[in-house]
PDB file of N, CA and C in Angstrom:
ATOM      1  N   MET A   1       3.833 262.121 211.698  1.00  0.00           N
ATOM      2  CA  MET A   1       4.276 260.982 211.439  1.00  0.00           C
ATOM      3  C   MET A   1       6.071 260.814 211.577  1.00  0.00           C
ATOM      4  N   ARG A   2       6.582 259.434 211.498  1.00  0.00           N
ATOM      5  CA  ARG A   2       7.964 258.878 212.054  1.00  0.00           C
ATOM      6  C   ARG A   2       7.959 258.713 210.524  1.00  0.00           C
ATOM      7  N   ASN A   3       9.244 258.353 210.869  1.00  0.00           N
ATOM      8  CA  ASN A   3      10.023 258.327 209.719  1.00  0.00           C
ATOM      9  C   ASN A   3      10.415 256.741 210.386  1.00  0.00           C
ATOM     10  N   ILE A   4       9.809 254.817 210.164  1.00  0.00           N
ATOM     11  CA  ILE A   4      10.639 254.315 210.389  1.00  0.00           C
ATOM     12  C   ILE A   4      11.477 253.106 209.644  1.00  0.00           C
ATOM     13  N   GLU A   5      12.889 253.300 209.635  1.00  0.00           N
ATOM     14  CA  GLU A   5      13.195 252.656 208.157  1.00  0.00           C
ATOM     15  C   GLU A   5      13.546 251.321 209.884  1.00  0.00           C
ATOM     16  N   ARG A   6      12.977 250.378 208.903  1.00  0.00           N
ATOM     17  CA  ARG A   6      13.245 248.709 209.449  1.00  0.00           C
ATOM     18  C   ARG A   6      14.511 247.253 208.625  1.00  0.00           C
ATOM     19  N   VAL A   7      14.875 246.905 210.136  1.00  0.00           N
ATOM     20  CA  VAL A   7      16.393 246.388 209.132  1.00  0.00           C
ATOM     21  C   VAL A   7      15.542 244.402 209.849  1.00  0.00           C
ATOM     22  N   ARG A   8      15.883 243.478 208.138  1.00  0.00           N
ATOM     23  CA  ARG A   8      15.269 242.083 209.186  1.00  0.00           C
ATOM     24  C   ARG A   8      16.441 241.115 208.509  1.00  0.00           C
ATOM     25  N   TYR A   9      16.788 240.383 209.810  1.00  0.00           N
ATOM     26  CA  TYR A   9      17.543 239.180 209.705  1.00  0.00           C
ATOM     27  C   TYR A   9      17.314 238.151 209.683  1.00  0.00           C
ATOM     28  N   ILE A  10      17.143 237.519 208.395  1.00  0.00           N
ATOM     29  CA  ILE A  10      16.576 235.689 208.258  1.00  0.00           C
ATOM     30  C   ILE A  10      17.980 234.770 208.817  1.00  0.00           C
ATOM     31  N   PHE A  11      18.256 233.603 209.366  1.00  0.00           N
ATOM     32  CA  PHE A  11      18.910 231.958 209.782  1.00  0.00           C
ATOM     33  C   PHE A  11      18.762 231.570 209.023  1.00  0.00           C
ATOM     34  N   ALA A  12      19.219 230.859 208.422  1.00  0.00           N
ATOM     35  CA  ALA A  12      18.937 229.219 207.902  1.00  0.00           C
ATOM     36  C   ALA A  12      20.350 228.917 208.250  1.00  0.00           C
ATOM     37  N   LYS A  13      19.855 226.782 208.875  1.00  0.00           N
ATOM     38  CA  LYS A  13      21.513 226.549 207.984  1.00  0.00           C
ATOM     39  C   LYS A  13      21.629 226.330 206.657  1.00  0.00           C
ATOM     40  N   LYS A  14      20.610 226.221 205.530  1.00  0.00           N
ATOM     41  CA  LYS A  14      20.439 226.282 203.855  1.00  0.00           C
ATOM     42  C   LYS A  14      19.971 227.310 203.314  1.00  0.00           C
ATOM     43  N   LYS A  15      20.487 227.669 202.315  1.00  0.00           N
ATOM     44  CA  LYS A  15      20.737 228.390 201.671  1.00  0.00           C
ATOM     45  C   LYS A  15      18.921 228.470 201.061  1.00  0.00           C
ATOM     46  N   GLU A  16      18.836 227.225 200.886  1.00  0.00           N
ATOM     47  CA  GLU A  16      18.224 227.179 200.442  1.00  0.00           C
ATOM     48  C   GLU A  16      16.327 226.774 201.227  1.00  0.00           C
ATOM     49  N   ASP A  17      16.702 227.082 202.562  1.00  0.00           N
ATOM     50  CA  ASP A  17      15.763 227.532 203.470  1.00  0.00           C
ATOM     51  C   ASP A  17      15.552 228.918 203.407  1.00  0.00           C
ATOM     52  N   ILE A  18      15.819 230.136 202.981  1.00  0.00           N
ATOM     53  CA  ILE A  18      16.115 231.608 203.105  1.00  0.00           C
ATOM     54  C   ILE A  18      15.474 231.666 201.788  1.00  0.00           C
ATOM     55  N   GLU A  19      15.972 230.654 200.177  1.00  0.00           N
ATOM     56  CA  GLU A  19      14.627 230.934 199.254  1.00  0.00           C
ATOM     57  C   GLU A  19      13.150 230.600 199.299  1.00  0.00           C
ATOM     58  N   LYS A  20      13.610 229.637 200.023  1.00  0.00           N
ATOM     59  CA  LYS A  20      11.842 229.720 201.002  1.00  0.00           C
ATOM     60  C   LYS A  20      10.823 230.288 201.921  1.00  0.00           C
ATOM     61  N   TYR A  21      11.932 231.154 202.388  1.00  0.00           N
ATOM     62  CA  TYR A  21      11.166 231.864 203.412  1.00  0.00           C
ATOM     63  C   TYR A  21      10.914 232.771 202.456  1.00  0.00           C
ATOM     64  N   LYS A  22      11.919 233.848 201.556  1.00  0.00           N
ATOM     65  CA  LYS A  22      12.336 234.751 200.945  1.00  0.00           C
ATOM     66  C   LYS A  22      10.054 234.371 200.059  1.00  0.00           C
ATOM     67  N   ARG A  23      10.467 233.281 199.265  1.00  0.00           N
ATOM     68  CA  ARG A  23       9.135 233.101 198.418  1.00  0.00           C
ATOM     69  C   ARG A  23       7.696 233.206 199.821  1.00  0.00           C
ATOM     70  N   ALA A  24       8.176 232.586 200.279  1.00  0.00           N
ATOM     71  CA  ALA A  24       6.325 232.575 201.402  1.00  0.00           C
ATOM     72  C   ALA A  24       6.108 234.039 201.722  1.00  0.00           C
ATOM     73  N   GLU A  25       7.525 234.490 201.749  1.00  0.00           N
ATOM     74  CA  GLU A  25       6.868 236.401 201.825  1.00  0.00           C
ATOM     75  C   GLU A  25       6.103 236.568 200.443  1.00  0.00           C
ATOM     76  N   GLN A  26       6.971 236.703 199.242  1.00  0.00           N
ATOM     77  CA  GLN A  26       6.273 237.137 198.242  1.00  0.00           C
ATOM     78  C   GLN A  26       5.380 236.354 197.807  1.00  0.00           C
ATOM     79  N   GLU A  27       4.978 234.941 197.816  1.00  0.00           N
ATOM     80  CA  GLU A  27       3.649 234.599 197.668  1.00  0.00           C
ATOM     81  C   GLU A  27       2.441 234.565 199.128  1.00  0.00           C
ATOM     82  N   GLU A  28       2.926 234.790 200.191  1.00  0.00           N
ATOM     83  CA  GLU A  28       1.878 235.060 201.173  1.00  0.00           C
ATOM     84  C   GLU A  28       1.859 233.771 201.718  1.00  0.00           C
ATOM     85  N   SER A  29       2.689 232.921 201.275  1.00  0.00           N
ATOM     86  CA  SER A  29       1.739 231.632 201.474  1.00  0.00           C
ATOM     87  C   SER A  29       2.369 231.465 203.313  1.00  0.00           C
ATOM     88  N   ASP A  30       0.820 231.010 203.536  1.00  0.00           N
ATOM     89  CA  ASP A  30       1.399 229.733 205.316  1.00  0.00           C
ATOM     90  C   ASP A  30       1.987 229.095 204.601  1.00  0.00           C
ATOM     91  N   GLU A  31       1.605 228.120 204.493  1.00  0.00           N
ATOM     92  CA  GLU A  31       2.148 226.873 203.766  1.00  0.00           C
ATOM     93  C   GLU A  31       3.936 226.626 203.434  1.00  0.00           C
ATOM     94  N   LEU A  32       4.038 227.329 203.171  1.00  0.00           N
ATOM     95  CA  LEU A  32       5.845 227.822 202.691  1.00  0.00           C
ATOM     96  C   LEU A  32       5.924 228.607 204.611  1.00  0.00           C
ATOM     97  N   PHE A  33       5.460 229.047 204.818  1.00  0.00           N
ATOM     98  CA  PHE A  33       5.818 229.702 206.705  1.00  0.00           C
ATOM     99  C   PHE A  33       6.120 229.178 207.484  1.00  0.00           C
ATOM    100  N   GLY A  34       4.696 227.755 207.285  1.00  0.00           N
ATOM    101  CA  GLY A  34       4.839 226.451 207.895  1.00  0.00           C
ATOM    102  C   GLY A  34       5.699 225.931 207.360  1.00  0.00           C
ATOM    103  N   GLU A  35       6.951 225.686 206.400  1.00  0.00           N
ATOM    104  CA  GLU A  35       7.927 224.985 206.651  1.00  0.00           C
ATOM    105  C   GLU A  35       8.491 225.294 206.734  1.00  0.00           C
ATOM    106  N   VAL A  36       8.835 226.423 206.516  1.00  0.00           N
ATOM    107  CA  VAL A  36      10.039 227.242 207.036  1.00  0.00           C
ATOM    108  C   VAL A  36      10.174 226.780 208.255  1.00  0.00           C
ATOM    109  N   TYR A  37       9.128 227.476 209.035  1.00  0.00           N
ATOM    110  CA  TYR A  37       9.266 227.110 210.689  1.00  0.00           C
ATOM    111  C   TYR A  37       9.251 225.476 211.147  1.00  0.00           C
ATOM    112  N   GLY A  38       9.334 225.063 210.537  1.00  0.00           N
ATOM    113  CA  GLY A  38       9.050 223.507 210.901  1.00  0.00           C
ATOM    114  C   GLY A  38       7.525 223.240 211.379  1.00  0.00           C
ATOM    115  N   PHE A  39       6.922 223.845 211.155  1.00  0.00           N
ATOM    116  CA  PHE A  39       5.552 223.017 211.480  1.00  0.00           C
ATOM    117  C   PHE A  39       5.309 221.742 211.273  1.00  0.00           C
ATOM    118  N   PRO A  40       4.775 221.113 211.825  1.00  0.00           N
ATOM    119  CA  PRO A  40       4.542 219.082 211.615  1.00  0.00           C
ATOM    120  C   PRO A  40       3.590 219.710 209.946  1.00  0.00           C
ATOM    121  N   GLN A  41       3.990 218.742 208.504  1.00  0.00           N
ATOM    122  CA  GLN A  41       2.915 219.034 207.866  1.00  0.00           C
ATOM    123  C   GLN A  41       1.682 218.668 207.647  1.00  0.00           C
ATOM    124  N   THR A  42       1.446 217.805 208.739  1.00  0.00           N
ATOM    125  CA  THR A  42      -0.285 218.042 209.493  1.00  0.00           C
ATOM    126  C   THR A  42      -0.837 218.802 209.594  1.00  0.00           C
ATOM    127  N   SER A  43      -0.256 219.353 210.792  1.00  0.00           N
ATOM    128  CA  SER A  43      -0.751 220.847 210.746  1.00  0.00           C
ATOM    129  C   SER A  43      -1.342 222.126 209.232  1.00  0.00           C
ATOM    130  N   ILE A  44       0.263 221.904 209.037  1.00  0.00           N
ATOM    131  CA  ILE A  44      -0.253 222.807 207.437  1.00  0.00           C
ATOM    132  C   ILE A  44      -1.141 222.317 206.880  1.00  0.00           C
ATOM    133  N   GLU A  45      -1.158 221.056 206.413  1.00  0.00           N
ATOM    134  CA  GLU A  45      -1.991 220.725 205.354  1.00  0.00           C
ATOM    135  C   GLU A  45      -3.852 220.850 206.022  1.00  0.00           C
ATOM    136  N   ALA A  46      -3.690 221.001 207.539  1.00  0.00           N
ATOM    137  CA  ALA A  46      -5.545 221.088 208.340  1.00  0.00           C
ATOM    138  C   ALA A  46      -5.293 222.685 207.794  1.00  0.00           C
ATOM    139  N   PHE A  47      -3.783 223.068 207.761  1.00  0.00           N
ATOM    140  CA  PHE A  47      -4.295 224.375 207.793  1.00  0.00           C
ATOM    141  C   PHE A  47      -5.047 225.936 207.192  1.00  0.00           C
ATOM    142  N   GLY A  48      -4.894 225.013 205.961  1.00  0.00           N
ATOM    143  CA  GLY A  48      -6.303 225.918 205.021  1.00  0.00           C
ATOM    144  C   GLY A  48      -7.118 225.362 204.425  1.00  0.00           C
ATOM    145  N   LYS A  49      -7.363 223.551 205.155  1.00  0.00           N
ATOM    146  CA  LYS A  49      -9.207 223.048 205.506  1.00  0.00           C
ATOM    147  C   LYS A  49     -10.463 224.012 206.118  1.00  0.00           C
ATOM    148  N   LEU A  50     -11.401 223.599 205.762  1.00  0.00           N
ATOM    149  CA  LEU A  50     -12.440 224.557 206.726  1.00  0.00           C
ATOM    150  C   LEU A  50     -13.070 223.593 207.316  1.00  0.00           C
ATOM    151  N   ASP A  51     -12.929 223.047 209.519  1.00  0.00           N
ATOM    152  CA  ASP A  51     -12.661 222.315 210.200  1.00  0.00           C
ATOM    153  C   ASP A  51     -11.380 221.554 210.856  1.00  0.00           C
ATOM    154  N   GLY A  52     -10.450 221.474 210.028  1.00  0.00           N
ATOM    155  CA  GLY A  52      -9.121 221.137 209.951  1.00  0.00           C
ATOM    156  C   GLY A  52      -8.181 221.546 210.874  1.00  0.00           C
ATOM    157  N   ILE A  53      -8.702 223.071 211.799  1.00  0.00           N
ATOM    158  CA  ILE A  53      -7.812 223.208 212.829  1.00  0.00           C
ATOM    159  C   ILE A  53      -8.593 222.723 214.059  1.00  0.00           C
ATOM    160  N   ALA A  54      -7.973 222.563 215.102  1.00  0.00           N
ATOM    161  CA  ALA A  54      -8.308 222.792 216.438  1.00  0.00           C
ATOM    162  C   ALA A  54      -8.317 223.964 217.672  1.00  0.00           C
ATOM    163  N   GLU A  55      -9.123 224.862 217.644  1.00  0.00           N
ATOM    164  CA  GLU A  55      -8.899 226.226 218.772  1.00  0.00           C
ATOM    165  C   GLU A  55      -8.042 225.959 219.802  1.00  0.00           C
ATOM    166  N   TYR A  56      -7.975 226.310 219.991  1.00  0.00           N
ATOM    167  CA  TYR A  56      -7.046 225.701 221.100  1.00  0.00           C
ATOM    168  C   TYR A  56      -8.013 225.287 221.866  1.00  0.00           C
ATOM    169  N   ASN A  57      -9.257 226.170 222.531  1.00  0.00           N
ATOM    170  CA  ASN A  57     -10.340 225.992 223.403  1.00  0.00           C
ATOM    171  C   ASN A  57     -11.129 224.310 223.385  1.00  0.00           C
ATOM    172  N   GLU A  58     -10.614 224.239 222.366  1.00  0.00           N
ATOM    173  CA  GLU A  58     -10.608 222.986 222.014  1.00  0.00           C
ATOM    174  C   GLU A  58     -10.014 221.364 222.377  1.00  0.00           C
ATOM    175  N   LEU A  59      -9.116 222.083 222.809  1.00  0.00           N
ATOM    176  CA  LEU A  59      -7.295 221.559 223.235  1.00  0.00           C
ATOM    177  C   LEU A  59      -7.773 220.166 224.663  1.00  0.00           C
ATOM    178  N   PRO A  60      -7.742 218.777 225.146  1.00  0.00           N
ATOM    179  CA  PRO A  60      -7.573 218.444 225.977  1.00  0.00           C
ATOM    180  C   PRO A  60      -7.123 219.098 227.394  1.00  0.00           C
ATOM    181  N   ASP A  61      -7.191 218.803 228.035  1.00  0.00           N
ATOM    182  CA  ASP A  61      -6.737 219.095 229.534  1.00  0.00           C
ATOM    183  C   ASP A  61      -4.553 219.320 229.095  1.00  0.00           C
ATOM    184  N   GLU A  62      -4.822 217.499 229.127  1.00  0.00           N
ATOM    185  CA  GLU A  62      -3.567 217.026 229.535  1.00  0.00           C
ATOM    186  C   GLU A  62      -2.512 218.103 228.079  1.00  0.00           C
ATOM    187  N   ILE A  63      -2.888 218.425 227.192  1.00  0.00           N
ATOM    188  CA  ILE A  63      -2.661 219.061 226.168  1.00  0.00           C
ATOM    189  C   ILE A  63      -2.167 221.123 227.143  1.00  0.00           C
ATOM    190  N   ARG A  64      -2.904 221.579 227.356  1.00  0.00           N
ATOM    191  CA  ARG A  64      -3.110 222.787 227.415  1.00  0.00           C
ATOM    192  C   ARG A  64      -2.755 223.048 229.092  1.00  0.00           C
ATOM    193  N   LYS A  65      -2.396 221.686 229.128  1.00  0.00           N
ATOM    194  CA  LYS A  65      -1.524 221.867 230.592  1.00  0.00           C
ATOM    195  C   LYS A  65      -0.334 221.658 230.833  1.00  0.00           C
ATOM    196  N   HIS A  66       0.069 220.784 229.957  1.00  0.00           N
ATOM    197  CA  HIS A  66       1.206 220.567 230.114  1.00  0.00           C
ATOM    198  C   HIS A  66       2.438 221.386 229.582  1.00  0.00           C
ATOM    199  N   GLU A  67       3.331 221.193 230.024  1.00  0.00           N
ATOM    200  CA  GLU A  67       4.308 222.356 229.678  1.00  0.00           C
ATOM    201  C   GLU A  67       5.161 223.306 228.528  1.00  0.00           C
ATOM    202  N   ALA A  68       4.719 222.389 227.623  1.00  0.00           N
ATOM    203  CA  ALA A  68       5.402 222.843 226.883  1.00  0.00           C
ATOM    204  C   ALA A  68       4.203 223.129 225.818  1.00  0.00           C
ATOM    205  N   TYR A  69       3.205 223.302 225.983  1.00  0.00           N
ATOM    206  CA  TYR A  69       1.647 224.143 225.647  1.00  0.00           C
ATOM    207  C   TYR A  69       2.535 225.872 225.372  1.00  0.00           C
ATOM    208  N   GLY A  70       3.009 226.354 225.938  1.00  0.00           N
ATOM    209  CA  GLY A  70       3.589 227.702 225.628  1.00  0.00           C
ATOM    210  C   GLY A  70       4.463 226.865 224.508  1.00  0.00           C
ATOM    211  N   PHE A  71       4.960 226.393 223.821  1.00  0.00           N
ATOM    212  CA  PHE A  71       5.753 225.998 222.951  1.00  0.00           C
ATOM    213  C   PHE A  71       5.137 226.191 221.468  1.00  0.00           C
ATOM    214  N   LEU A  72       3.487 225.981 221.761  1.00  0.00           N
ATOM    215  CA  LEU A  72       2.605 226.064 220.220  1.00  0.00           C
ATOM    216  C   LEU A  72       2.309 226.950 219.998  1.00  0.00           C
ATOM    217  N   THR A  73       3.393 226.953 219.319  1.00  0.00           N
ATOM    218  CA  THR A  73       3.389 228.326 218.524  1.00  0.00           C
ATOM    219  C   THR A  73       2.849 228.484 217.093  1.00  0.00           C
ATOM    220  N   PHE A  74       1.827 227.439 216.240  1.00  0.00           N
ATOM    221  CA  PHE A  74       1.602 226.825 214.472  1.00  0.00           C
ATOM    222  C   PHE A  74      -0.182 226.331 215.144  1.00  0.00           C
ATOM    223  N   LYS A  75      -1.178 226.074 214.725  1.00  0.00           N
ATOM    224  CA  LYS A  75      -2.112 225.806 215.407  1.00  0.00           C
ATOM    225  C   LYS A  75      -2.278 224.096 214.805  1.00  0.00           C
ATOM    226  N   LEU A  76      -2.819 223.234 215.753  1.00  0.00           N
ATOM    227  CA  LEU A  76      -2.844 222.047 215.377  1.00  0.00           C
ATOM    228  C   LEU A  76      -4.329 221.475 214.637  1.00  0.00           C
ATOM    229  N   SER A  77      -3.996 219.960 214.190  1.00  0.00           N
ATOM    230  CA  SER A  77      -5.101 219.662 213.554  1.00  0.00           C
ATOM    231  C   SER A  77      -6.029 218.788 214.331  1.00  0.00           C
ATOM    232  N   ARG A  78      -6.840 218.959 213.775  1.00  0.00           N
ATOM    233  CA  ARG A  78      -8.128 218.049 214.789  1.00  0.00           C
ATOM    234  C   ARG A  78      -8.091 216.575 214.247  1.00  0.00           C
ATOM    235  N   ASP A  79      -6.807 216.395 213.683  1.00  0.00           N
ATOM    236  CA  ASP A  79      -6.969 214.632 213.325  1.00  0.00           C
ATOM    237  C   ASP A  79      -6.124 214.412 213.714  1.00  0.00           C
ATOM    238  N   ASN A  80      -4.828 215.511 213.920  1.00  0.00           N
ATOM    239  CA  ASN A  80      -3.315 214.845 214.597  1.00  0.00           C
ATOM    240  C   ASN A  80      -2.480 215.001 215.376  1.00  0.00           C
ATOM    241  N   PHE A  81      -3.657 215.896 216.915  1.00  0.00           N
ATOM    242  CA  PHE A  81      -3.354 217.050 217.100  1.00  0.00           C
ATOM    243  C   PHE A  81      -2.390 215.956 218.130  1.00  0.00           C
ATOM    244  N   GLU A  82      -2.128 214.965 218.714  1.00  0.00           N
ATOM    245  CA  GLU A  82      -1.613 214.314 219.598  1.00  0.00           C
ATOM    246  C   GLU A  82       0.409 214.768 218.682  1.00  0.00           C
ATOM    247  N   SER A  83       0.107 213.937 217.665  1.00  0.00           N
ATOM    248  CA  SER A  83       1.448 213.706 217.207  1.00  0.00           C
ATOM    249  C   SER A  83       2.244 215.091 216.864  1.00  0.00           C
ATOM    250  N   GLU A  84       1.200 215.839 216.358  1.00  0.00           N
ATOM    251  CA  GLU A  84       1.806 217.244 216.369  1.00  0.00           C
ATOM    252  C   GLU A  84       2.411 218.000 217.601  1.00  0.00           C
ATOM    253  N   PHE A  85       1.682 218.249 218.871  1.00  0.00           N
ATOM    254  CA  PHE A  85       2.341 218.367 219.749  1.00  0.00           C
ATOM    255  C   PHE A  85       3.371 218.064 220.306  1.00  0.00           C
ATOM    256  N   GLU A  86       3.884 216.944 219.698  1.00  0.00           N
ATOM    257  CA  GLU A  86       5.290 216.593 219.978  1.00  0.00           C
ATOM    258  C   GLU A  86       6.283 217.318 219.319  1.00  0.00           C
ATOM    259  N   THR A  87       6.162 217.787 218.320  1.00  0.00           N
ATOM    260  CA  THR A  87       6.950 219.761 217.893  1.00  0.00           C
ATOM    261  C   THR A  87       7.343 220.514 218.921  1.00  0.00           C
ATOM    262  N   ALA A  88       6.076 220.926 219.175  1.00  0.00           N
ATOM    263  CA  ALA A  88       5.984 221.779 220.334  1.00  0.00           C
ATOM    264  C   ALA A  88       6.734 221.407 222.208  1.00  0.00           C
ATOM    265  N   LYS A  89       6.722 220.085 222.656  1.00  0.00           N
ATOM    266  CA  LYS A  89       7.810 219.349 223.007  1.00  0.00           C
ATOM    267  C   LYS A  89       8.870 219.066 223.297  1.00  0.00           C
ATOM    268  N   LYS A  90       9.360 219.053 221.638  1.00  0.00           N
ATOM    269  CA  LYS A  90      10.796 219.400 221.007  1.00  0.00           C
ATOM    270  C   LYS A  90      10.994 220.137 221.756  1.00  0.00           C
ATOM    271  N   TRP A  91      10.874 221.280 220.881  1.00  0.00           N
ATOM    272  CA  TRP A  91      11.202 222.716 221.069  1.00  0.00           C
ATOM    273  C   TRP A  91      11.267 223.001 222.328  1.00  0.00           C
ATOM    274  N   ALA A  92       9.987 223.143 223.561  1.00  0.00           N
ATOM    275  CA  ALA A  92      10.389 223.331 224.694  1.00  0.00           C
ATOM    276  C   ALA A  92      11.415 222.170 225.755  1.00  0.00           C
ATOM    277  N   ASP A  93      11.950 221.316 225.399  1.00  0.00           N
ATOM    278  CA  ASP A  93      12.785 220.891 225.602  1.00  0.00           C
ATOM    279  C   ASP A  93      14.533 220.848 225.124  1.00  0.00           C
ATOM    280  N   PHE A  94      14.587 221.212 224.178  1.00  0.00           N
ATOM    281  CA  PHE A  94      15.582 222.119 223.782  1.00  0.00           C
ATOM    282  C   PHE A  94      16.144 223.667 224.545  1.00  0.00           C
ATOM    283  N   VAL A  95      15.021 224.610 224.762  1.00  0.00           N
ATOM    284  CA  VAL A  95      15.230 225.613 225.429  1.00  0.00           C
ATOM    285  C   VAL A  95      15.383 225.634 226.706  1.00  0.00           C
ATOM    286  N   LYS A  96      15.039 224.784 227.779  1.00  0.00           N
ATOM    287  CA  LYS A  96      15.213 223.971 228.400  1.00  0.00           C
ATOM    288  C   LYS A  96      16.473 223.740 229.427  1.00  0.00           C
ATOM    289  N   ARG A  97      16.778 222.616 227.690  1.00  0.00           N
ATOM    290  CA  ARG A  97      18.339 222.411 228.026  1.00  0.00           C
ATOM    291  C   ARG A  97      19.122 223.442 227.844  1.00  0.00           C
ATOM    292  N   ASN A  98      18.856 224.109 227.198  1.00  0.00           N
ATOM    293  CA  ASN A  98      20.464 225.056 226.876  1.00  0.00           C
ATOM    294  C   ASN A  98      19.556 226.372 227.312  1.00  0.00           C
ATOM    295  N   SER A  99      18.295 226.787 227.424  1.00  0.00           N
ATOM    296  CA  SER A  99      18.993 228.133 228.867  1.00  0.00           C
ATOM    297  C   SER A  99      17.628 227.949 229.834  1.00  0.00           C
ATOM    298  N   PRO A 100      17.680 227.337 230.608  1.00  0.00           N
ATOM    299  CA  PRO A 100      16.594 227.564 231.710  1.00  0.00           C
ATOM    300  C   PRO A 100      16.196 228.950 232.019  1.00  0.00           C
ATOM    301  N   LYS A 101      16.912 229.251 232.118  1.00  0.00           N
ATOM    302  CA  LYS A 101      16.685 231.231 232.100  1.00  0.00           C
ATOM    303  C   LYS A 101      15.421 231.494 231.255  1.00  0.00           C
ATOM    304  N   ILE A 102      15.801 231.231 229.849  1.00  0.00           N
ATOM    305  CA  ILE A 102      14.863 231.695 228.902  1.00  0.00           C
ATOM    306  C   ILE A 102      14.002 230.700 228.851  1.00  0.00           C
ATOM    307  N   TYR A 103      14.116 228.888 229.147  1.00  0.00           N
ATOM    308  CA  TYR A 103      12.906 228.625 229.005  1.00  0.00           C
ATOM    309  C   TYR A 103      11.493 229.504 230.568  1.00  0.00           C
ATOM    310  N   GLN A 104      12.062 229.474 231.754  1.00  0.00           N
ATOM    311  CA  GLN A 104      11.159 229.954 232.567  1.00  0.00           C
ATOM    312  C   GLN A 104      10.155 230.552 232.050  1.00  0.00           C
ATOM    313  N   GLU A 105      11.554 232.367 231.580  1.00  0.00           N
ATOM    314  CA  GLU A 105      11.007 233.904 231.468  1.00  0.00           C
ATOM    315  C   GLU A 105       9.754 233.738 230.561  1.00  0.00           C
ATOM    316  N   TYR A 106      10.210 232.736 229.465  1.00  0.00           N
ATOM    317  CA  TYR A 106       9.195 232.583 228.200  1.00  0.00           C
ATOM    318  C   TYR A 106       8.367 231.836 228.339  1.00  0.00           C
ATOM    319  N   LEU A 107       7.929 230.754 229.019  1.00  0.00           N
ATOM    320  CA  LEU A 107       6.580 229.973 229.327  1.00  0.00           C
ATOM    321  C   LEU A 107       5.518 231.216 230.730  1.00  0.00           C
ATOM    322  N   GLU A 108       6.482 232.179 231.434  1.00  0.00           N
ATOM    323  CA  GLU A 108       5.541 233.034 232.231  1.00  0.00           C
ATOM    324  C   GLU A 108       4.900 234.151 231.296  1.00  0.00           C
ATOM    325  N   TYR A 109       5.763 234.366 230.615  1.00  0.00           N
ATOM    326  CA  TYR A 109       5.677 235.577 229.415  1.00  0.00           C
ATOM    327  C   TYR A 109       4.178 234.614 228.873  1.00  0.00           C
ATOM    328  N   MET A 110       4.128 233.573 228.055  1.00  0.00           N
ATOM    329  CA  MET A 110       2.881 232.730 227.601  1.00  0.00           C
ATOM    330  C   MET A 110       1.901 232.475 228.133  1.00  0.00           C
ATOM    331  N   SER A 111       1.888 232.432 229.618  1.00  0.00           N
ATOM    332  CA  SER A 111       1.076 232.052 230.787  1.00  0.00           C
ATOM    333  C   SER A 111       0.236 232.799 230.779  1.00  0.00           C
ATOM    334  N   LYS A 112       0.557 234.546 230.449  1.00  0.00           N
ATOM    335  CA  LYS A 112      -0.388 235.932 230.308  1.00  0.00           C
ATOM    336  C   LYS A 112      -0.838 235.985 229.190  1.00  0.00           C
ATOM    337  N   VAL A 113      -0.521 235.263 228.161  1.00  0.00           N
ATOM    338  CA  VAL A 113      -1.130 235.168 226.457  1.00  0.00           C
ATOM    339  C   VAL A 113      -2.213 235.250 226.261  1.00  0.00           C
ATOM    340  N   GLU A 114      -3.315 235.671 226.370  1.00  0.00           N
ATOM    341  CA  GLU A 114      -4.590 236.028 226.085  1.00  0.00           C
ATOM    342  C   GLU A 114      -5.245 234.776 224.699  1.00  0.00           C
ATOM    343  N   GLY A 115      -6.537 234.594 225.346  1.00  0.00           N
ATOM    344  CA  GLY A 115      -6.413 233.814 224.387  1.00  0.00           C
ATOM    345  C   GLY A 115      -6.275 232.181 224.201  1.00  0.00           C
ATOM    346  N   ARG A 116      -4.721 231.683 224.853  1.00  0.00           N
ATOM    347  CA  ARG A 116      -4.564 230.176 224.922  1.00  0.00           C
ATOM    348  C   ARG A 116      -4.959 229.632 226.122  1.00  0.00           C
TER     349      ARG A 116
END
């Protein structure tokens, strides 16, 4: 058996966000993690509800074929998926603007992820 030691670094703009992250870990709270990661509130609320979340294969082709689809790292709600997808678009635009190389490499990687 290997003895592995891990180190984790948490970055945030505000100390309150680091405290929220720690609380999310302690409570094992998907809702708090969603808030820390910047997921849309409607998506966070739908996550815990039966039939509240749209599975990837249920999403319209216009979303699944959009370049920003690779940046969709959270589940979309059935009721608000169009507006929630704007978050993924915003993240994609940020990466594309700041590092086109990383953007392309990430999209290439995500295109190979199964189940998406």
